[in-house]
Protein backbone atom coordinates (compact mmCIF):
# COMPACT_ATOMS: atom_id res chain seq x y z
CA UNK A 1 255.70 69.02 20.64
CA UNK A 2 257.72 66.36 18.84
CA UNK A 3 256.12 63.43 20.61
CA UNK A 4 255.28 59.84 19.77
CA UNK A 5 251.96 60.95 18.30
CA UNK A 6 253.67 62.75 15.40
CA UNK A 7 254.32 59.72 13.18
CA UNK A 8 254.04 61.25 9.71
CA UNK A 9 256.88 59.95 7.56
CA UNK A 10 258.19 57.54 10.19
CA UNK A 11 259.17 54.08 8.98
CA UNK A 12 259.22 50.59 10.46
CA UNK A 13 255.71 50.54 11.90
CA UNK A 14 254.30 48.23 9.23
CA UNK A 15 251.20 48.72 7.08
CA UNK A 16 247.96 50.22 8.39
CA UNK A 17 245.49 47.36 8.62
CA UNK A 18 241.99 48.33 7.52
CA UNK A 19 239.16 46.42 9.17
CA UNK A 20 236.07 45.96 7.01
CA UNK A 21 232.87 47.19 8.71
CA UNK A 22 234.93 48.16 11.74
CA UNK A 23 232.74 48.84 14.80
CA UNK A 24 233.03 52.07 16.76
CA UNK A 25 234.23 50.11 19.78
CA UNK A 26 235.87 46.71 20.09
CA UNK A 27 235.06 46.22 23.79
CA UNK A 28 232.67 47.57 26.40
CA UNK A 29 235.47 49.25 28.31
CA UNK A 30 236.25 51.36 25.24
CA UNK A 31 232.68 52.69 25.24
CA UNK A 32 233.09 53.58 28.90
CA UNK A 33 236.47 55.24 28.31
CA UNK A 34 234.95 57.35 25.54
CA UNK A 35 231.93 58.31 27.65
CA UNK A 36 233.97 59.24 30.72
CA UNK A 37 236.37 61.33 28.65
CA UNK A 38 233.46 63.27 27.10
CA UNK A 39 231.74 63.69 30.45
CA UNK A 40 234.89 65.03 32.09
CA UNK A 41 235.55 67.35 29.15
CA UNK A 42 232.05 68.76 29.62
CA UNK A 43 232.92 69.81 33.18
CA UNK A 44 235.03 72.64 31.76
CA UNK A 45 238.05 71.64 33.82
CA UNK A 46 240.27 71.74 30.71
CA UNK A 47 240.08 72.47 27.01
CA UNK A 48 240.01 70.05 24.09
CA UNK A 49 243.53 71.14 23.17
CA UNK A 50 244.72 70.51 26.73
CA UNK A 51 243.36 66.97 26.50
CA UNK A 52 245.28 66.42 23.26
CA UNK A 53 248.44 67.69 24.92
CA UNK A 54 247.93 65.33 27.88
CA UNK A 55 247.80 62.36 25.51
CA UNK A 56 250.77 63.38 23.38
CA UNK A 57 252.99 63.93 26.43
CA UNK A 58 252.69 60.31 27.52
CA UNK A 59 256.13 58.64 27.51
CA UNK A 60 256.81 57.42 23.94
CA UNK A 61 257.18 53.75 24.93
CA UNK A 62 253.87 53.95 26.80
CA UNK A 63 252.10 55.78 23.97
CA UNK A 64 253.30 53.48 21.20
CA UNK A 65 252.47 50.30 23.13
CA UNK A 66 248.94 51.44 24.01
CA UNK A 67 245.73 51.07 22.03
CA UNK A 68 243.69 54.11 20.98
CA UNK A 69 241.38 54.15 23.99
CA UNK A 70 244.15 53.16 26.36
CA UNK A 71 245.84 56.40 25.29
CA UNK A 72 242.58 58.29 25.92
CA UNK A 73 242.31 56.74 29.39
CA UNK A 74 245.91 57.47 30.35
CA UNK A 75 245.56 61.04 29.11
CA UNK A 76 242.40 61.48 31.18
CA UNK A 77 244.12 60.13 34.28
CA UNK A 78 246.91 62.65 33.75
CA UNK A 79 244.39 65.50 33.47
CA UNK A 80 242.54 64.40 36.61
CA UNK A 81 245.73 64.45 38.67
CA UNK A 82 247.07 67.67 37.15
CA UNK A 83 243.80 69.50 37.83
CA UNK A 84 243.41 68.21 41.38
CA UNK A 85 240.36 66.07 40.69
CA UNK A 86 242.05 62.84 41.75
CA UNK A 87 245.36 61.64 43.13
CA UNK A 88 247.69 58.95 41.84
CA UNK A 89 246.86 56.91 44.95
CA UNK A 90 243.13 57.15 44.27
CA UNK A 91 243.56 55.99 40.70
CA UNK A 92 245.75 53.09 41.86
CA UNK A 93 243.37 52.03 44.62
CA UNK A 94 240.18 52.87 42.66
CA UNK A 95 238.60 54.64 45.63
CA UNK A 96 238.18 58.15 47.00
CA UNK A 97 240.78 59.09 49.60
CA UNK A 98 240.24 62.85 49.88
CA UNK A 99 237.13 65.03 49.44
CA UNK A 100 236.55 65.60 45.71
CA UNK A 101 237.16 69.00 44.19
CA UNK A 102 234.07 70.65 42.71
CA UNK A 103 233.75 71.12 38.94
CA UNK A 104 232.18 73.95 36.94
CA UNK A 105 229.33 71.86 35.55
CA UNK A 106 228.07 68.30 35.22
CA UNK A 107 226.77 66.70 32.03
CA UNK A 108 223.62 64.85 33.04
CA UNK A 109 222.37 61.79 31.19
CA UNK A 110 219.26 63.53 29.86
CA UNK A 111 221.41 66.29 28.34
CA UNK A 112 223.93 64.10 26.52
CA UNK A 113 222.08 63.82 23.21
CA UNK A 114 221.44 67.56 22.85
CA UNK A 115 224.96 68.52 23.97
CA UNK A 116 226.60 66.12 21.51
CA UNK A 117 224.31 67.30 18.71
CA UNK A 118 225.25 70.91 19.44
CA UNK A 119 228.96 70.14 19.40
CA UNK A 120 231.64 72.60 20.46
CA UNK A 121 232.35 74.97 17.54
CA UNK A 122 235.77 76.62 17.57
CA UNK A 123 235.17 79.23 14.87
CA UNK A 124 235.27 82.81 16.10
CA UNK A 125 234.57 86.32 14.79
CA UNK A 126 237.46 87.95 12.94
CA UNK A 127 239.23 90.85 14.62
CA UNK A 128 241.59 91.65 11.75
CA UNK A 129 241.83 90.80 8.04
CA UNK A 130 243.46 87.60 6.85
CA UNK A 131 247.17 87.95 6.11
CA UNK A 132 247.05 85.58 3.13
CA UNK A 133 244.80 85.10 0.11
CA UNK A 134 243.90 82.05 -1.97
CA UNK A 135 246.77 81.36 -4.36
CA UNK A 136 249.48 82.89 -2.16
CA UNK A 137 252.72 80.93 -1.86
CA UNK A 138 253.59 80.42 1.79
CA UNK A 139 256.34 78.76 3.77
CA UNK A 140 255.77 76.91 7.03
CA UNK A 141 257.97 77.89 9.93
CA UNK A 142 260.79 75.76 11.24
CA UNK A 143 259.86 75.13 14.86
CA UNK A 144 260.29 72.51 17.57
CA UNK A 145 258.13 73.65 20.51
CA UNK A 146 257.99 71.60 23.70
CA UNK A 147 254.36 72.70 23.99
CA UNK A 148 251.32 71.70 21.91
CA UNK A 149 251.16 72.49 18.20
CA UNK A 150 249.13 71.27 15.22
CA UNK A 151 251.95 71.81 12.73
CA UNK A 152 253.37 68.32 12.07
CA UNK A 153 257.12 67.78 11.97
CA UNK A 154 257.08 66.60 8.36
CA UNK A 155 255.41 69.83 7.19
CA UNK A 156 257.79 72.32 8.81
CA UNK A 157 260.09 74.53 6.74
CA UNK A 158 258.23 73.63 3.53
CA UNK A 159 256.68 75.77 0.78
CA UNK A 160 253.01 75.40 -0.14
CA UNK A 161 250.06 77.31 -1.56
CA UNK A 162 246.94 78.70 0.12
CA UNK A 163 244.02 76.76 -1.31
CA UNK A 164 241.17 77.56 1.10
CA UNK A 165 240.51 80.16 3.81
CA UNK A 166 238.51 78.59 6.63
CA UNK A 167 237.94 81.69 8.72
CA UNK A 168 239.08 82.41 12.27
CA UNK A 169 239.42 79.56 14.76
CA UNK A 170 240.72 78.96 18.28
CA UNK A 171 244.52 78.69 18.24
CA UNK A 172 245.37 75.31 19.82
CA UNK A 173 248.96 76.24 20.70
CA UNK A 174 247.75 78.76 23.28
CA UNK A 175 244.45 77.13 24.23
CA UNK A 176 246.20 73.94 25.33
CA UNK A 177 248.14 75.79 28.01
CA UNK A 178 245.64 78.14 29.64
CA UNK A 179 246.77 81.16 27.60
CA UNK A 180 243.36 81.86 26.11
CA UNK A 181 241.85 81.10 22.74
CA UNK A 182 243.85 83.73 20.77
CA UNK A 183 241.74 83.10 17.62
CA UNK A 184 243.68 83.08 14.34
CA UNK A 185 242.94 82.67 10.66
CA UNK A 186 242.99 79.06 9.50
CA UNK A 187 243.99 78.05 5.97
CA UNK A 188 243.94 74.94 3.83
CA UNK A 189 247.49 74.75 2.48
CA UNK A 190 248.35 72.48 -0.48
CA UNK A 191 251.79 70.89 -0.77
CA UNK A 192 253.54 68.89 -3.46
CA UNK A 193 254.45 65.47 -2.15
CA UNK A 194 258.04 65.77 -3.35
CA UNK A 195 258.44 69.00 -1.36
CA UNK A 196 257.32 67.14 1.76
CA UNK A 197 258.86 63.71 1.29
CA UNK A 198 261.73 64.45 -1.13
CA UNK A 199 262.54 63.48 -4.71
CA UNK A 200 262.27 59.73 -4.05
CA UNK A 201 258.55 60.02 -3.25
CA UNK A 202 255.62 59.63 -5.64
CA UNK A 203 255.73 62.66 -8.00
CA UNK A 204 251.94 62.57 -8.34
CA UNK A 205 251.38 62.80 -4.58
CA UNK A 206 249.95 65.98 -3.07
CA UNK A 207 248.41 66.76 0.29
CA UNK A 208 246.60 69.57 2.07
CA UNK A 209 246.91 70.55 5.71
CA UNK A 210 244.75 72.97 7.68
CA UNK A 211 247.23 75.35 9.29
CA UNK A 212 246.90 78.43 11.49
CA UNK A 213 248.31 81.77 10.42
CA UNK A 214 251.13 81.91 13.02
CA UNK A 215 252.64 78.83 11.38
CA UNK A 216 253.04 80.57 8.02
CA UNK A 217 255.12 83.21 6.25
CA UNK A 218 254.95 84.40 2.66
CA UNK A 219 257.28 82.33 0.48
């Protein structure tokens, strides 16, 4: 969707300030927000792509005025309510008001290290050959879905070249909405900066995006 999270090419937000030796967390509550989000994700109540969609559908004013982990927390609250694991009243009052709904599994403290080390791979076996080959000229589709997508606004309706074939991966556009993984081929697509940003941009600029096959057509 074209939400507040899709800021590529937007102006007026000022420079990105780099913090030397930046810590992973700037406050204890951020550690807790991160831990709770991972723990709830491990319950299997929603997918990683669904959690991204929950964050990006926050009202723009709310999203843009929130810090990184505030966005994570607000997205988690939205998922809890949507999936019947908590109510708005419970979150407001910070106490249980109705019997909790059971979850598929619980990530126990002794399992955290091994589970995090294992990760959650999203590569899948191929069911059909790749449509494109390295070197092919492709064109991204012009699209404005109200649902989740990983094709940024600034890279739509633009020509590029297949640089890398990553294999088959879970398709986030379907996985975010309970429509199954629908695995698709994933490609590294190289673009000229002037094709993305126009003739006034740096002529030496180039970029590469990892894009799923349904986003692409032959140029």
